[in-house]
C-alpha cells in the first residue's frame, strides 16, 4: 500500500433508534474519508438491504506494531 492510502473502519446499522441492533463492521482502503464512504456505500449494496453507515474512522497505521 502507498503511504497516502489509509485503512478506514466502517460501522453500519439497520436503524438508529433504541434498541440498536448489532452493528456490521468492515474495513476499506482509501486516501480520503469521502472515498472511504463511497467505497463503503458500494459494498453495502451487496451485503444486506437497509443498512446505513453509522460511523467511519481511520485506523491507526501502527496498530500491528503496538500489539507486539
N, C-alpha and C. Protein backbone atom coordinates (compact mmCIF):
# COMPACT_ATOMS: atom_id res chain seq x y z
N UNK A 1 0.83 -1.18 0.00
CA UNK A 1 0.00 0.00 0.00
C UNK A 1 0.88 1.25 0.00
N UNK A 2 0.40 2.25 -0.65
CA UNK A 2 1.10 3.53 -0.70
C UNK A 2 1.00 4.23 0.64
N UNK A 3 1.92 5.16 0.89
CA UNK A 3 1.91 5.85 2.17
C UNK A 3 0.68 6.72 2.36
N UNK A 4 0.08 7.21 1.28
CA UNK A 4 -1.07 8.09 1.44
C UNK A 4 -2.40 7.37 1.31
N UNK A 5 -2.40 6.04 1.30
CA UNK A 5 -3.64 5.27 1.33
C UNK A 5 -3.83 4.77 2.76
N UNK A 6 -5.00 5.03 3.33
CA UNK A 6 -5.27 4.68 4.73
C UNK A 6 -6.32 3.59 4.80
N UNK A 7 -6.32 2.90 5.93
CA UNK A 7 -7.35 1.89 6.19
C UNK A 7 -8.42 2.54 7.06
N UNK A 8 -9.67 2.43 6.62
CA UNK A 8 -10.80 3.05 7.30
C UNK A 8 -11.72 1.97 7.83
N UNK A 9 -12.19 2.15 9.06
CA UNK A 9 -13.14 1.23 9.66
C UNK A 9 -14.54 1.81 9.49
N UNK A 10 -15.48 1.00 9.00
CA UNK A 10 -16.84 1.44 8.73
C UNK A 10 -17.79 0.64 9.61
N UNK A 11 -18.68 1.34 10.33
CA UNK A 11 -19.68 0.69 11.18
C UNK A 11 -21.05 1.03 10.61
N UNK A 12 -21.86 -0.01 10.37
CA UNK A 12 -23.19 0.16 9.77
C UNK A 12 -24.24 -0.47 10.68
N UNK A 13 -25.43 0.15 10.70
CA UNK A 13 -26.55 -0.36 11.48
C UNK A 13 -27.81 -0.34 10.61
N UNK A 14 -28.84 -1.07 11.04
CA UNK A 14 -30.12 -1.07 10.31
C UNK A 14 -30.98 0.11 10.68
N UNK A 15 -30.92 0.55 11.95
CA UNK A 15 -31.68 1.72 12.39
C UNK A 15 -30.92 2.40 13.52
N UNK A 16 -31.25 3.67 13.76
CA UNK A 16 -30.52 4.46 14.75
C UNK A 16 -31.25 4.59 16.08
N UNK A 17 -32.48 4.08 16.19
CA UNK A 17 -33.22 4.25 17.44
C UNK A 17 -32.96 3.10 18.39
N UNK A 18 -33.49 3.23 19.61
CA UNK A 18 -33.28 2.25 20.66
C UNK A 18 -34.29 1.12 20.53
N UNK A 19 -34.00 -0.11 20.75
CA UNK A 19 -32.69 -0.71 20.96
C UNK A 19 -31.96 -0.87 19.63
N UNK A 20 -30.71 -0.48 19.62
CA UNK A 20 -29.91 -0.55 18.41
C UNK A 20 -29.50 -1.99 18.14
N UNK A 21 -29.71 -2.47 16.92
CA UNK A 21 -29.31 -3.84 16.60
C UNK A 21 -27.78 -3.95 16.51
N UNK A 22 -27.32 -5.18 16.44
CA UNK A 22 -25.88 -5.43 16.36
C UNK A 22 -25.30 -4.80 15.09
N UNK A 23 -24.24 -4.01 15.22
CA UNK A 23 -23.67 -3.34 14.04
C UNK A 23 -22.85 -4.29 13.17
N UNK A 24 -22.74 -3.93 11.90
CA UNK A 24 -21.88 -4.63 10.95
C UNK A 24 -20.64 -3.77 10.77
N UNK A 25 -19.47 -4.39 10.84
CA UNK A 25 -18.22 -3.65 10.79
C UNK A 25 -17.31 -4.25 9.73
N UNK A 26 -16.69 -3.38 8.91
CA UNK A 26 -15.73 -3.84 7.91
C UNK A 26 -14.75 -2.72 7.61
N UNK A 27 -13.67 -3.04 6.89
CA UNK A 27 -12.62 -2.09 6.56
C UNK A 27 -12.56 -1.87 5.06
N UNK A 28 -12.20 -0.63 4.68
CA UNK A 28 -11.95 -0.28 3.29
C UNK A 28 -10.65 0.52 3.24
N UNK A 29 -10.00 0.53 2.07
CA UNK A 29 -8.77 1.29 1.87
C UNK A 29 -9.07 2.46 0.95
N UNK A 30 -8.65 3.67 1.37
CA UNK A 30 -8.88 4.86 0.57
C UNK A 30 -7.94 5.97 1.03
N UNK A 31 -7.75 6.97 0.17
CA UNK A 31 -6.91 8.11 0.53
C UNK A 31 -7.65 9.10 1.43
N UNK A 32 -8.96 9.26 1.21
CA UNK A 32 -9.74 10.25 1.95
C UNK A 32 -10.95 9.60 2.59
N UNK A 33 -11.56 10.33 3.52
CA UNK A 33 -12.76 9.81 4.18
C UNK A 33 -13.94 9.79 3.22
N UNK A 34 -14.01 10.74 2.31
CA UNK A 34 -15.08 10.74 1.31
C UNK A 34 -14.97 9.52 0.40
N UNK A 35 -13.76 9.18 -0.02
CA UNK A 35 -13.55 8.00 -0.84
C UNK A 35 -13.91 6.73 -0.09
N UNK A 36 -13.60 6.69 1.21
CA UNK A 36 -13.94 5.54 2.03
C UNK A 36 -15.46 5.41 2.15
N UNK A 37 -16.17 6.54 2.26
CA UNK A 37 -17.63 6.49 2.36
C UNK A 37 -18.24 5.99 1.06
N UNK A 38 -17.70 6.40 -0.07
CA UNK A 38 -18.22 5.94 -1.35
C UNK A 38 -17.97 4.46 -1.55
N UNK A 39 -16.77 3.98 -1.18
CA UNK A 39 -16.47 2.55 -1.29
C UNK A 39 -17.35 1.74 -0.35
N UNK A 40 -17.59 2.28 0.85
CA UNK A 40 -18.43 1.57 1.82
C UNK A 40 -19.88 1.49 1.34
N UNK A 41 -20.38 2.56 0.74
CA UNK A 41 -21.77 2.52 0.25
C UNK A 41 -21.91 1.54 -0.91
N UNK A 42 -20.89 1.41 -1.75
CA UNK A 42 -20.93 0.41 -2.81
C UNK A 42 -20.90 -1.01 -2.24
N UNK A 43 -20.13 -1.20 -1.17
CA UNK A 43 -20.04 -2.52 -0.55
C UNK A 43 -21.34 -2.87 0.18
N UNK A 44 -22.04 -1.85 0.71
CA UNK A 44 -23.30 -2.09 1.43
C UNK A 44 -24.39 -2.61 0.51
N UNK A 45 -24.33 -2.25 -0.76
CA UNK A 45 -25.33 -2.73 -1.71
C UNK A 45 -25.32 -4.24 -1.81
N UNK A 46 -24.14 -4.85 -1.65
CA UNK A 46 -24.00 -6.30 -1.76
C UNK A 46 -24.24 -7.03 -0.44
N UNK A 47 -24.07 -6.35 0.70
CA UNK A 47 -24.18 -7.02 1.99
C UNK A 47 -25.63 -7.34 2.36
N UNK A 48 -26.40 -6.31 2.67
CA UNK A 48 -27.76 -6.53 3.14
C UNK A 48 -28.56 -5.24 2.92
N UNK A 49 -29.76 -5.33 2.41
CA UNK A 49 -30.55 -4.11 2.20
C UNK A 49 -30.98 -3.49 3.52
N UNK A 50 -31.03 -2.18 3.56
CA UNK A 50 -31.48 -1.47 4.76
C UNK A 50 -30.37 -1.03 5.68
N UNK A 51 -29.11 -1.37 5.40
CA UNK A 51 -28.01 -0.94 6.26
C UNK A 51 -27.65 0.52 5.96
N UNK A 52 -27.32 1.28 7.02
CA UNK A 52 -26.88 2.67 6.90
C UNK A 52 -25.55 2.83 7.60
N UNK A 53 -24.71 3.70 7.08
CA UNK A 53 -23.40 3.95 7.68
C UNK A 53 -23.59 4.76 8.96
N UNK A 54 -23.08 4.24 10.06
CA UNK A 54 -23.17 4.93 11.35
C UNK A 54 -21.93 5.78 11.59
N UNK A 55 -20.75 5.22 11.33
CA UNK A 55 -19.52 5.99 11.52
C UNK A 55 -18.40 5.42 10.66
N UNK A 56 -17.48 6.31 10.33
CA UNK A 56 -16.27 5.95 9.58
C UNK A 56 -15.10 6.62 10.28
N UNK A 57 -14.08 5.86 10.61
CA UNK A 57 -12.89 6.45 11.20
C UNK A 57 -11.64 5.73 10.70
N UNK A 58 -10.53 6.46 10.71
CA UNK A 58 -9.27 5.93 10.21
C UNK A 58 -8.60 5.08 11.28
N UNK A 59 -8.12 3.93 10.89
CA UNK A 59 -7.41 3.06 11.81
C UNK A 59 -5.96 3.51 11.95
N UNK A 60 -5.40 3.30 13.11
CA UNK A 60 -4.01 3.69 13.38
C UNK A 60 -3.08 2.81 12.53
N UNK A 61 -2.18 3.42 11.74
CA UNK A 61 -1.31 2.62 10.89
C UNK A 61 -0.29 1.79 11.66
N UNK A 62 0.00 2.14 12.90
CA UNK A 62 0.99 1.43 13.69
C UNK A 62 0.37 0.43 14.68
N UNK A 63 -0.90 0.06 14.48
CA UNK A 63 -1.57 -0.78 15.47
C UNK A 63 -0.96 -2.18 15.54
N UNK A 64 -0.41 -2.70 14.44
CA UNK A 64 0.22 -4.02 14.48
C UNK A 64 1.53 -3.98 15.25
N UNK A 65 2.24 -2.88 15.18
CA UNK A 65 3.49 -2.73 15.92
C UNK A 65 3.21 -2.59 17.42
N UNK A 66 2.09 -1.97 17.79
CA UNK A 66 1.77 -1.75 19.19
C UNK A 66 1.37 -3.04 19.91
N UNK A 67 0.81 -4.00 19.17
CA UNK A 67 0.37 -5.25 19.78
C UNK A 67 1.53 -6.11 20.23
N UNK A 68 2.64 -6.08 19.51
CA UNK A 68 3.76 -6.96 19.86
C UNK A 68 4.80 -6.28 20.71
